[in-house]
Amino acid sequence: MAAGTLTGAAPAYAATGEVVVFTTEFENLRHYQNPASGSCHPLPATAHVLVNLTDTDVHLHAGRGCLGPGVTVAPDRGWHAPPSGLFSFSVS
C-alpha cells in the first residue's frame, strides 16, 4: 500500500496563553485567549495597558487594522497603550 501525502493549507498557529488588556478601574479586564497567529484585535477606546501572557511575541500597532507602526511586546511583558481607540495588536 502506498503512503500518500496530505496537501492543503497549514493550520493557523495559536499562541498559548492570553493577552490581557486593562482599560479603567470601572471596567472588567479584557482577555484574549490563545489568539491566532496573524489575527488582528482592535483595542477598546479606553485601553490603557496590554500584558502579553502568551508564549510568543505580540505586536502593539498604532492603528486599528494592525498595519501601522508599533512595538513588539515579548512574552511576560507589558506595554502602555494610551487611551484613544486607535491601537490594535497582532500575534507573531
Protein backbone atom coordinates (compact mmCIF):
# COMPACT_ATOMS: atom_id res chain seq x y z
CA MET A 1 0.00 0.00 0.00
CA ALA A 2 1.47 3.35 -1.00
CA ALA A 3 1.58 6.16 1.50
CA GLY A 4 0.13 9.44 0.31
CA THR A 5 0.72 12.98 1.45
CA LEU A 6 -1.84 15.43 2.54
CA THR A 7 -1.79 18.78 0.85
CA GLY A 8 -3.57 21.97 1.73
CA ALA A 9 -3.29 24.98 3.92
CA ALA A 10 -1.30 24.61 7.07
CA PRO A 11 -3.33 25.11 10.24
CA ALA A 12 -3.08 28.54 11.80
CA TYR A 13 -0.82 28.72 14.82
CA ALA A 14 -2.40 29.96 18.01
CA ALA A 15 -0.39 31.43 20.81
CA THR A 16 -0.73 29.56 24.08
CA GLY A 17 -1.91 31.80 26.88
CA GLU A 18 -3.66 35.10 26.80
CA VAL A 19 -3.27 38.78 26.13
CA VAL A 20 -4.86 40.87 28.88
CA VAL A 21 -5.89 44.49 28.41
CA PHE A 22 -6.55 46.83 31.31
CA THR A 23 -8.90 49.68 30.47
CA THR A 24 -10.20 51.57 33.51
CA GLU A 25 -10.86 50.81 37.15
CA PHE A 26 -14.58 50.62 36.33
CA GLU A 27 -14.35 48.04 33.53
CA ASN A 28 -13.51 44.34 33.53
CA LEU A 29 -10.17 43.23 32.16
CA ARG A 30 -10.30 42.13 28.51
CA HIS A 31 -8.94 38.62 27.94
CA TYR A 32 -7.90 37.35 24.51
CA GLN A 33 -7.39 33.60 24.95
CA ASN A 34 -4.95 31.77 22.64
CA PRO A 35 -5.01 34.45 19.89
CA ALA A 36 -4.32 33.04 16.42
CA SER A 37 -1.19 33.98 14.51
CA GLY A 38 -1.91 36.79 12.08
CA SER A 39 -5.17 37.78 13.76
CA CYS A 40 -5.81 41.46 14.41
CA HIS A 41 -7.56 42.69 17.54
CA PRO A 42 -8.58 46.35 17.83
CA LEU A 43 -8.22 47.57 21.40
CA PRO A 44 -11.11 49.23 23.24
CA ALA A 45 -11.14 53.02 23.20
CA THR A 46 -10.35 53.04 26.93
CA ALA A 47 -7.41 50.58 26.68
CA HIS A 48 -4.56 51.60 28.94
CA VAL A 49 -2.16 48.65 29.36
CA LEU A 50 -1.59 45.48 27.31
CA VAL A 51 0.05 42.48 29.04
CA ASN A 52 1.39 39.57 26.98
CA LEU A 53 0.91 36.31 28.90
CA THR A 54 1.39 34.14 25.79
CA ASP A 55 4.35 32.07 24.62
CA THR A 56 5.13 34.31 21.63
CA ASP A 57 5.64 37.94 20.69
CA VAL A 58 2.66 40.27 20.41
CA HIS A 59 2.82 43.40 18.28
CA LEU A 60 1.07 46.54 19.51
CA HIS A 61 0.19 48.72 16.50
CA ALA A 62 -0.55 52.43 16.33
CA GLY A 63 -3.55 51.79 14.09
CA ARG A 64 -6.87 49.92 14.25
CA GLY A 65 -6.05 47.48 11.43
CA CYS A 66 -2.67 46.20 12.66
CA LEU A 67 -0.98 47.94 9.73
CA GLY A 68 0.57 50.92 11.44
CA PRO A 69 3.96 51.08 13.11
CA GLY A 70 4.22 49.54 16.51
CA VAL A 71 6.28 47.80 19.15
CA THR A 72 6.97 44.18 19.95
CA VAL A 73 5.82 43.03 23.37
CA ALA A 74 7.72 39.91 24.44
CA PRO A 75 6.10 37.12 26.49
CA ASP A 76 5.59 38.05 30.17
CA ARG A 77 5.93 41.76 29.38
CA GLY A 78 3.50 44.66 29.09
CA TRP A 79 3.18 47.94 27.27
CA HIS A 80 1.32 51.16 27.86
CA ALA A 81 -1.36 51.90 25.23
CA PRO A 82 -2.62 55.47 25.62
CA PRO A 83 -6.44 55.52 25.64
CA SER A 84 -7.54 56.65 22.20
CA GLY A 85 -9.29 53.82 20.38
CA LEU A 86 -6.51 53.90 17.79
CA PHE A 87 -4.47 50.83 18.81
CA SER A 88 -4.62 47.15 17.90
CA PHE A 89 -2.48 44.06 18.44
CA SER A 90 -1.45 41.04 16.42
CA VAL A 91 0.40 37.83 17.23
CA SER A 92 3.58 36.57 15.55
